[in-house]
Protein backbone atom coordinates (compact mmCIF):
# COMPACT_ATOMS: atom_id res chain seq x y z
CA MET A 1 0.00 0.00 0.00
CA THR A 2 1.29 3.47 -0.88
CA LEU A 3 0.72 6.38 1.44
CA THR A 4 -0.31 9.66 -0.18
CA ALA A 5 0.11 13.07 1.35
CA SER A 6 -1.69 16.29 0.68
CA ALA A 7 0.15 19.55 0.24
CA THR A 8 -0.42 20.39 3.88
CA GLU A 9 0.94 17.07 5.17
CA ARG A 10 4.45 15.73 5.43
CA ALA A 11 5.39 13.33 2.62
CA ALA A 12 5.61 9.71 3.67
CA PRO A 13 9.16 8.38 4.12
CA HIS A 14 10.77 7.43 0.81
CA ASP A 15 14.04 7.75 -1.10
CA ARG A 16 13.45 8.63 -4.75
CA ASP A 17 17.12 8.42 -5.73
CA ALA A 18 17.54 4.96 -4.16
CA GLU A 19 14.47 3.69 -6.00
CA ARG A 20 15.81 5.04 -9.30
CA TYR A 21 19.23 3.48 -8.64
CA VAL A 22 17.72 0.04 -7.99
CA LEU A 23 15.61 0.13 -11.15
CA GLY A 24 18.49 1.45 -13.26
CA SER A 25 20.70 -1.35 -11.98
CA LEU A 26 18.10 -3.95 -12.97
CA LEU A 27 18.03 -2.55 -16.50
CA ILE A 28 21.82 -2.65 -17.05
CA ASP A 29 22.75 -5.82 -15.11
CA ARG A 30 20.92 -9.04 -15.97
CA ASP A 31 21.95 -10.65 -12.65
CA ALA A 32 21.05 -7.71 -10.42
CA ILE A 33 17.49 -8.95 -9.91
CA PHE A 34 18.76 -11.96 -7.97
CA LYS A 35 20.33 -9.65 -5.38
CA VAL A 36 17.07 -7.91 -4.50
CA ALA A 37 14.17 -10.15 -5.52
CA ASP A 38 13.87 -11.75 -2.06
CA LEU A 39 14.29 -8.39 -0.32
CA LEU A 40 12.03 -5.98 -2.20
CA ARG A 41 8.34 -6.26 -2.95
CA THR A 42 6.53 -4.13 -5.51
CA GLU A 43 4.80 -2.08 -2.79
CA ASP A 44 8.17 -1.27 -1.18
CA PHE A 45 8.58 1.36 -3.91
CA TYR A 46 6.81 4.60 -3.02
CA ILE A 47 6.54 6.16 -6.47
CA ALA A 48 3.79 4.53 -8.54
CA ARG A 49 5.71 4.44 -11.82
CA HIS A 50 8.57 2.68 -10.02
CA GLN A 51 6.14 0.05 -8.72
CA ARG A 52 5.01 -0.66 -12.29
CA ILE A 53 8.56 -0.99 -13.60
CA TYR A 54 9.64 -3.31 -10.77
CA ALA A 55 6.48 -5.44 -11.15
CA SER A 56 7.34 -5.88 -14.83
CA ALA A 57 10.87 -6.95 -13.96
CA LEU A 58 9.53 -9.55 -11.48
CA ALA A 59 7.14 -10.85 -14.15
CA LEU A 60 10.05 -11.33 -16.54
CA LEU A 61 12.02 -13.10 -13.81
CA GLU A 62 9.12 -15.45 -13.15
CA ARG A 63 9.01 -16.36 -16.85
CA ARG A 64 12.81 -16.70 -16.86
CA GLU A 65 13.20 -14.01 -19.49
CA ARG A 66 16.06 -11.53 -19.74
CA ILE A 67 15.61 -8.18 -17.99
CA ASP A 68 16.81 -5.16 -19.98
CA PRO A 69 15.30 -1.84 -21.17
CA LEU A 70 13.69 -3.42 -24.24
CA THR A 71 12.07 -6.41 -22.48
CA VAL A 72 10.80 -4.24 -19.63
CA GLN A 73 9.36 -1.78 -22.15
CA VAL A 74 7.58 -4.61 -23.99
CA GLU A 75 6.24 -6.02 -20.72
CA LEU A 76 4.93 -2.62 -19.64
CA ALA A 77 3.25 -2.19 -23.02
CA ARG A 78 1.70 -5.65 -22.74
CA ARG A 79 0.26 -4.61 -19.38
CA GLU A 80 -0.92 -1.31 -20.90
CA GLU A 81 1.14 0.56 -18.31
CA LEU A 82 3.99 1.96 -20.40
CA ASP A 83 2.68 5.54 -20.43
CA ARG A 84 1.90 5.49 -16.71
CA ALA A 85 5.43 4.21 -16.06
CA GLY A 86 6.94 7.21 -17.82
CA GLY A 87 7.36 5.68 -21.27
CA ALA A 88 10.51 4.54 -23.04
CA GLY A 89 12.14 7.90 -22.30
CA TYR A 90 11.97 7.34 -18.54
CA LEU A 91 13.54 3.88 -18.88
CA ARG A 92 16.45 5.45 -20.83
CA GLU A 93 16.79 8.08 -18.10
CA LEU A 94 17.10 5.37 -15.46
CA VAL A 95 19.79 3.60 -17.48
CA GLU A 96 21.79 6.79 -18.05
CA GLN A 97 21.70 7.60 -14.33
CA VAL A 98 23.36 4.34 -13.23
CA PRO A 99 26.79 3.61 -14.77
CA VAL A 100 27.37 0.48 -12.62
CA SER A 101 25.19 -1.64 -10.32
CA VAL A 102 27.67 -2.29 -7.51
CA ASP A 103 25.60 -0.45 -4.89
CA ILE A 104 22.25 -2.05 -5.67
CA GLU A 105 22.00 -3.96 -2.39
CA ARG A 106 22.75 -0.90 -0.26
CA ASN A 107 20.16 1.13 -2.13
CA ALA A 108 17.67 -1.74 -1.99
CA HIS A 109 17.94 -1.70 1.80
CA ARG A 110 17.31 2.04 1.79
CA VAL A 111 14.16 1.46 -0.25
CA ARG A 112 13.00 -1.29 2.08
CA ASP A 113 13.76 0.71 5.24
CA ARG A 114 11.60 3.57 4.01
CA SER A 115 8.87 1.09 3.16
CA LEU A 116 8.96 -0.28 6.72
CA LEU A 117 8.63 3.24 8.07
CA ARG A 118 5.58 3.86 5.87
CA ARG A 119 3.99 0.63 7.07
CA LEU A 120 4.78 1.63 10.64
CA LEU A 121 2.79 4.80 10.02
CA LEU A 122 -0.07 2.73 8.59
CA SER A 123 0.01 0.44 11.63
CA ALA A 124 -0.10 3.46 13.92
CA ARG A 125 -3.07 4.77 11.94
CA ASP A 126 -4.87 1.42 12.27
CA ILE A 127 -4.11 1.27 16.00
CA ALA A 128 -5.52 4.77 16.42
CA ALA A 129 -8.62 3.81 14.43
CA ASP A 130 -9.18 0.77 16.68
CA ALA A 131 -8.89 2.98 19.75
CA TYR A 132 -11.33 5.57 18.38
CA ASP A 133 -13.87 2.77 17.83
CA GLU A 134 -13.85 2.22 21.63
CA PRO A 135 -13.74 -1.60 21.51
CA THR A 136 -15.07 -3.54 24.48
CA ASP A 137 -12.35 -6.23 24.34
CA ILE A 138 -9.37 -4.11 25.39
CA PRO A 139 -6.86 -7.02 25.80
CA LEU A 140 -7.65 -8.21 22.27
CA THR A 141 -7.17 -4.68 20.91
CA LEU A 142 -3.81 -4.37 22.67
CA ASP A 143 -2.72 -7.75 21.37
CA ARG A 144 -3.56 -6.76 17.80
CA ALA A 145 -1.58 -3.57 18.22
CA GLU A 146 1.44 -5.44 19.51
CA GLN A 147 1.15 -8.01 16.74
CA ARG A 148 1.31 -5.28 14.11
CA ILE A 149 4.47 -3.80 15.58
CA PHE A 150 6.21 -7.13 16.22
CA ALA A 151 5.39 -8.32 12.70
CA LEU A 152 7.23 -5.31 11.29
CA ARG A 153 10.17 -5.90 13.61
CA ASP A 154 10.48 -9.56 12.65
CA GLU A 155 10.20 -8.73 8.97
CA ALA A 156 12.99 -6.19 9.28
CA VAL A 157 15.26 -8.75 10.94
CA ASN A 158 14.45 -11.69 8.65
CA ALA A 159 14.27 -9.80 5.39
CA GLN A 160 16.54 -11.99 3.28
CA LEU A 161 17.19 -15.63 2.62
CA ARG A 162 20.47 -16.86 4.01
CA HIS A 163 22.90 -18.77 1.85
CA ILE A 164 23.95 -22.18 3.14
CA LYS A 165 27.54 -20.89 3.37
CA ALA A 166 26.52 -18.50 6.17
CA ALA A 167 24.66 -21.30 7.94
CA LEU A 168 27.71 -23.55 7.64
CA GLU A 169 29.94 -20.86 9.10
CA ALA A 170 27.61 -20.42 12.06
CA SER A 171 27.46 -24.20 12.59
CA TRP A 172 31.23 -24.47 12.31
CA ASP A 173 31.66 -21.80 14.97
CA GLN A 174 29.25 -23.65 17.24
CA ILE A 175 31.00 -27.00 16.68
CA SER A 176 34.41 -25.43 17.28
CA ASP A 177 33.16 -23.89 20.51
CA ARG A 178 31.86 -27.28 21.64
CA VAL A 179 35.27 -28.86 20.94
CA ASP A 180 37.03 -26.13 22.92
CA HIS A 181 34.52 -26.35 25.79
CA PRO A 182 33.26 -29.96 25.87
CA SER A 183 31.88 -29.69 29.41
CA VAL A 184 29.66 -26.68 28.62
CA VAL A 185 26.20 -27.42 27.23
CA SER A 186 25.21 -25.71 24.00
CA GLY A 187 21.80 -24.46 25.18
CA ILE A 188 20.36 -23.09 28.41
CA PRO A 189 21.48 -25.55 31.11
CA SER A 190 18.90 -27.14 33.37
CA GLY A 191 21.37 -27.10 36.26
CA PHE A 192 21.25 -30.90 36.47
CA ASN A 193 23.81 -33.00 34.60
CA GLU A 194 21.41 -35.94 34.56
CA ILE A 195 19.05 -33.98 32.32
CA ASP A 196 21.64 -32.05 30.32
CA ARG A 197 23.36 -35.21 29.14
CA TYR A 198 20.27 -35.90 27.04
CA THR A 199 19.23 -32.36 26.08
CA GLU A 200 22.60 -30.53 25.82
CA GLY A 201 20.69 -27.69 27.43
CA PHE A 202 17.39 -26.25 26.27
CA THR A 203 17.47 -24.66 22.81
CA LYS A 204 15.90 -21.25 22.25
CA GLY A 205 12.78 -21.54 20.14
CA ASP A 206 11.82 -24.86 21.74
CA LEU A 207 8.73 -25.76 23.75
CA VAL A 208 9.70 -27.99 26.69
CA ILE A 209 7.02 -29.80 28.69
CA LEU A 210 7.65 -30.89 32.30
CA ALA A 211 4.92 -33.34 33.32
CA ALA A 212 4.08 -35.18 36.54
CA ARG A 213 1.22 -36.13 38.81
CA PRO A 214 0.37 -33.67 41.63
CA SER A 215 2.85 -33.28 44.52
CA VAL A 216 5.75 -34.96 42.74
CA GLY A 217 7.79 -31.75 42.46
CA LYS A 218 7.41 -30.38 38.95
CA THR A 219 7.04 -26.79 40.18
CA SER A 220 10.14 -27.12 42.36
CA LEU A 221 12.17 -28.56 39.50
CA ALA A 222 10.97 -25.82 37.12
CA LEU A 223 11.91 -23.09 39.60
CA GLY A 224 15.24 -24.81 40.17
CA ILE A 225 15.89 -24.69 36.43
CA ALA A 226 14.83 -21.04 36.33
CA PHE A 227 17.06 -20.21 39.29
CA GLY A 228 20.06 -21.94 37.69
CA ALA A 229 19.51 -20.18 34.37
CA ALA A 230 19.22 -16.78 36.08
CA LYS A 231 22.42 -17.44 38.06
CA LYS A 232 24.22 -17.86 34.74
CA GLY A 233 22.85 -14.59 33.41
CA THR A 234 19.81 -15.76 31.43
CA GLY A 235 16.75 -13.57 31.85
CA VAL A 236 13.76 -15.54 33.17
CA LEU A 237 10.03 -14.85 33.17
CA VAL A 238 8.03 -16.98 35.61
CA VAL A 239 4.29 -17.04 34.91
CA SER A 240 2.50 -18.80 37.75
CA LEU A 241 -1.21 -19.52 37.50
CA GLU A 242 -1.18 -21.67 40.65
CA MET A 243 0.90 -19.80 43.26
CA ASP A 244 1.08 -16.11 44.16
CA VAL A 245 4.28 -14.11 44.06
CA LYS A 246 4.97 -14.53 47.80
CA GLN A 247 4.92 -18.33 47.50
CA ILE A 248 7.20 -18.21 44.46
CA VAL A 249 9.71 -15.97 46.22
CA THR A 250 9.68 -18.30 49.23
CA ARG A 251 10.47 -21.23 46.92
CA PHE A 252 13.36 -19.27 45.40
CA LEU A 253 14.68 -18.43 48.88
CA GLY A 254 14.79 -22.16 49.59
CA LEU A 255 17.09 -22.54 46.60
CA THR A 256 19.51 -19.77 47.58
CA GLY A 257 20.67 -21.00 50.96
CA GLN A 258 19.73 -23.11 53.95
CA THR A 259 16.33 -21.48 54.38
CA ASN A 260 13.63 -23.91 55.51
CA ILE A 261 10.55 -22.79 53.60
CA LEU A 262 8.20 -24.59 55.99
CA THR A 263 9.44 -22.72 59.08
CA LEU A 264 9.75 -19.51 57.07
CA ARG A 265 6.03 -19.63 56.33
CA THR A 266 5.14 -20.03 59.99
CA GLY A 267 7.53 -17.30 61.12
CA SER A 268 9.60 -19.68 63.27
CA ASP A 269 12.72 -19.13 61.16
CA VAL A 270 14.78 -16.00 60.50
CA LEU A 271 15.04 -14.72 56.95
CA ASP A 272 18.47 -15.22 55.44
CA THR A 273 19.19 -11.62 54.40
CA GLY A 274 22.23 -12.69 52.39
CA ALA A 275 20.15 -15.12 50.36
CA ALA A 276 17.46 -12.49 49.85
CA ASP A 277 20.04 -9.96 48.66
CA ALA A 278 21.53 -12.46 46.20
CA LEU A 279 18.07 -13.34 44.90
CA SER A 280 17.14 -9.68 44.37
CA ARG A 281 20.02 -9.26 41.89
CA LEU A 282 18.97 -12.10 39.60
CA PRO A 283 17.31 -11.33 36.23
CA ILE A 284 13.92 -12.84 37.15
CA LEU A 285 10.49 -11.39 36.42
CA ILE A 286 7.36 -12.90 38.03
CA ASP A 287 3.73 -12.74 37.01
CA ASP A 288 1.09 -14.41 39.19
CA THR A 289 -2.07 -13.51 37.26
CA PRO A 290 -4.56 -16.38 37.77
CA GLY A 291 -6.44 -17.81 34.80
CA ILE A 292 -4.24 -16.04 32.27
CA SER A 293 -5.09 -16.53 28.61
CA VAL A 294 -2.55 -17.49 25.99
CA MET A 295 -3.05 -14.07 24.37
CA GLU A 296 -2.29 -12.31 27.66
CA LEU A 297 0.80 -14.47 28.08
CA ARG A 298 2.09 -13.34 24.69
CA MET A 299 1.53 -9.71 25.66
CA LYS A 300 3.30 -10.14 29.00
CA ALA A 301 6.23 -11.96 27.41
CA ARG A 302 6.69 -9.21 24.82
CA ARG A 303 6.52 -6.61 27.56
CA ALA A 304 9.09 -8.53 29.60
CA MET A 305 11.44 -8.45 26.60
CA SER A 306 11.32 -4.65 26.76
CA HIS A 307 12.62 -4.76 30.36
CA MET A 308 15.40 -7.30 29.85
CA GLU A 309 16.62 -9.94 27.43
CA ILE A 310 14.53 -13.01 28.28
CA GLY A 311 15.83 -16.48 27.45
CA LEU A 312 13.47 -18.68 29.48
CA VAL A 313 9.72 -18.46 30.09
CA VAL A 314 8.29 -20.80 32.74
CA VAL A 315 4.52 -21.44 32.67
CA ASP A 316 3.03 -23.14 35.76
CA TYR A 317 0.91 -24.76 34.63
CA LEU A 318 -0.58 -25.46 31.20
CA GLN A 319 -3.99 -26.85 32.19
CA LEU A 320 -4.83 -23.67 34.13
CA MET A 321 -4.49 -21.52 31.02
CA ARG A 322 -7.37 -20.56 28.77
CA THR A 323 -7.91 -19.14 25.32
CA SER A 324 -9.72 -15.94 24.43
CA GLU A 325 -11.87 -17.79 21.91
CA LYS A 326 -14.72 -20.19 22.53
CA GLU A 327 -13.49 -23.70 21.73
CA GLU A 328 -15.79 -26.65 21.17
CA ASN A 329 -14.13 -28.69 23.92
CA ARG A 330 -11.20 -28.67 26.32
CA VAL A 331 -9.04 -30.83 24.04
CA GLN A 332 -9.25 -28.23 21.27
CA GLU A 333 -8.53 -25.48 23.78
CA ILE A 334 -5.35 -27.22 24.98
CA SER A 335 -4.34 -27.72 21.34
CA THR A 336 -4.69 -23.98 20.74
CA ILE A 337 -2.65 -23.23 23.86
CA THR A 338 0.26 -25.56 23.01
CA ARG A 339 0.34 -24.35 19.41
CA ASN A 340 0.55 -20.74 20.63
CA LEU A 341 3.23 -21.58 23.21
CA LYS A 342 5.38 -23.10 20.48
CA SER A 343 4.74 -20.06 18.28
CA LEU A 344 5.72 -17.79 21.19
CA ALA A 345 9.01 -19.66 21.67
CA ARG A 346 9.88 -19.20 17.99
CA GLU A 347 8.64 -15.60 17.79
CA LEU A 348 10.64 -14.33 20.78
CA ASN A 349 13.52 -16.84 20.43
CA VAL A 350 13.12 -18.13 23.99
CA VAL A 351 12.72 -21.47 25.70
CA VAL A 352 9.16 -21.98 26.92
CA LEU A 353 9.10 -24.46 29.82
CA ALA A 354 5.46 -25.36 30.41
CA LEU A 355 4.36 -27.59 33.27
CA SER A 356 1.63 -30.13 32.63
CA GLN A 357 -0.49 -32.49 34.65
CA LEU A 358 -0.64 -36.18 33.83
CA SER A 359 -3.91 -38.08 33.64
CA ARG A 360 -4.94 -40.59 36.30
CA ALA A 361 -3.91 -43.33 33.92
CA ALA A 362 -0.31 -42.48 34.81
CA GLY A 363 -0.84 -43.74 38.35
CA ASP A 364 0.00 -41.90 41.55
CA ALA A 365 3.28 -43.66 42.34
CA GLY A 366 5.74 -46.26 41.27
CA GLN A 367 5.00 -46.45 37.55
CA GLU A 368 6.77 -44.69 34.72
CA PRO A 369 4.30 -42.40 32.90
CA LYS A 370 3.99 -42.54 29.14
CA LEU A 371 3.51 -39.76 26.63
CA SER A 372 -0.04 -40.97 26.14
CA THR A 373 -0.85 -39.96 29.73
CA LEU A 374 -0.28 -36.25 29.13
CA ARG A 375 -3.53 -34.79 30.34
CA GLU A 376 -6.31 -33.66 27.96
CA SER A 377 -4.57 -33.52 24.62
CA GLY A 378 -2.21 -35.34 22.30
CA SER A 379 -1.21 -31.94 20.92
CA ILE A 380 1.05 -31.47 23.96
CA GLU A 381 3.18 -34.34 22.72
CA GLN A 382 2.90 -33.20 19.11
CA ASP A 383 3.80 -29.51 19.59
CA SER A 384 6.57 -29.98 22.16
CA ASP A 385 10.24 -30.35 21.31
CA GLN A 386 11.12 -32.08 24.58
CA VAL A 387 9.02 -33.78 27.25
CA LEU A 388 10.36 -34.45 30.75
CA MET A 389 8.45 -36.83 33.04
CA LEU A 390 8.71 -37.14 36.82
CA TRP A 391 7.40 -39.87 39.12
CA ARG A 392 8.23 -41.29 42.55
CA ASP A 393 8.61 -44.71 44.12
CA LYS A 394 5.93 -46.18 46.32
CA GLU A 395 8.41 -46.82 49.12
CA GLU A 396 8.15 -44.39 52.01
CA VAL A 397 11.30 -42.63 53.21
CA PRO A 398 12.10 -41.66 56.82
CA PRO A 399 11.02 -38.14 57.84
CA GLY A 400 13.64 -35.57 56.91
CA ALA A 401 15.37 -37.84 54.42
CA PRO A 402 15.58 -36.78 50.76
CA LYS A 403 13.10 -38.43 48.43
CA VAL A 404 14.21 -40.22 45.30
CA ILE A 405 12.37 -38.80 42.28
CA LYS A 406 12.67 -40.70 39.02
CA GLY A 407 12.52 -38.97 35.70
CA SER A 408 12.78 -39.48 32.00
CA VAL A 409 13.38 -37.49 28.87
CA ALA A 410 10.42 -39.11 27.14
CA LYS A 411 10.66 -37.03 23.95
CA ASN A 412 13.65 -35.24 22.51
CA ARG A 413 13.21 -33.97 18.97
CA ASN A 414 16.93 -33.43 18.42
CA GLY A 415 18.60 -35.90 20.75
CA PRO A 416 18.38 -39.12 22.73
CA THR A 417 15.81 -40.12 25.33
CA GLY A 418 16.48 -41.86 28.60
CA HIS A 419 16.05 -42.02 32.37
CA PHE A 420 17.52 -40.10 35.30
CA GLU A 421 17.16 -39.83 39.09
CA LEU A 422 17.22 -36.81 41.37
CA TYR A 423 16.90 -36.27 45.10
CA PHE A 424 14.26 -33.92 46.49
CA GLU A 425 14.39 -32.08 49.82
CA PRO A 426 10.83 -31.10 50.89
CA GLU A 427 12.04 -28.67 53.58
CA GLN A 428 13.71 -26.49 50.98
CA ALA A 429 11.67 -27.62 47.97
CA ARG A 430 14.78 -28.22 45.93
CA PHE A 431 16.24 -30.98 43.82
CA PHE A 432 19.87 -32.09 43.77
CA SER A 433 21.95 -34.78 42.13
CA PRO A 434 22.31 -38.20 43.78
CA ALA A 435 25.97 -38.19 42.76
CA ARG A 436 26.88 -35.20 44.93
CA GLU A 437 24.76 -33.44 47.48
CA ASP A 438 26.27 -30.10 46.49
CA ASP A 439 25.25 -30.55 42.84
CA LEU A 440 22.55 -27.92 43.09
CA PRO A 441 21.35 -25.58 40.36
CA VAL A 442 23.99 -22.83 40.42
């Protein structure tokens, strides 16, 4: 869409000389089109006659015909647009202006940048129009506004196709780094070697599901992972639909020192000020809105990204979420939620760690749960990149003794699956490795 401006208004952003340079380069260099075809669209040109000339060049490219002044002139005449494109004289003028095409890519980016600015103005106009209509669904209106802006941002970042050579170079750098640092995981570490040996750390853009029956410790493990990631400098957003912010902070305090969260709740223990001070410096944001919708989660996650660079989003837990639309049944609603969580992970380039309940078919104790026991929807298994399962033995342990919690990496899209064991201390609500008692998330 082209913005027009009256004499009393400022002209929309555009660069006439850059547009002319790009078109002139296409007319004198038969290979120039391949440098800009995946970057520029017809509507990226502001001047109407330039749009017509570029559209003709793309049509010739699609038919695999040569692009030069004569073929473009014939194509414009075939479309009955030659006069409106300035005629043969204007094509000659473009050719005479550009002696060489070496700067076509730089000028193409200038054309595209001005196009993005014009579309930003259009988005702002649409947002204003929505606001003037006084909609009743304010969260939906805000989400649409944010979507418009984020779509422009993503398009600006991912404007061009990448050659495989660049991908190989990036992969080579990653492989070389792994060789130089074999003990360091490639993704966001869980803080537990038993898990990282299968996952190599959580990869940004992935949806990770942590599933268990109630009271097995999935929230404690998720917060332990979040705490460990934050300690290593990764920004974390914790979205809790089950616990309020005071309960979450108490859980985190249990991870920072020797604080007994049970006595801390009753006031019979003294707050570890050192642990509280250390916790306050970690890059952790908390949201405890109950019954949050998937749309609201997207809005909050985007807003969190404006405060700090977020690498991990923890959602506790999936079955308490809802959608803003009316679904036919709960299974379809969960499918919509998981699909949007995966989309969120890709859109913001973060790891989304979502907790999930298991169905009663998984059993309360002693049996390894299967992927089929993920509660309410097979889409959880389908949309996730990794699924972690937790369960506990039937055997009772003496009071005060750590509990053995068994686990498995039941699905791993890009790696192996397998089993692991962790110890769990109820007094501090934290997990640690059976190999070493000091192997805590740090």
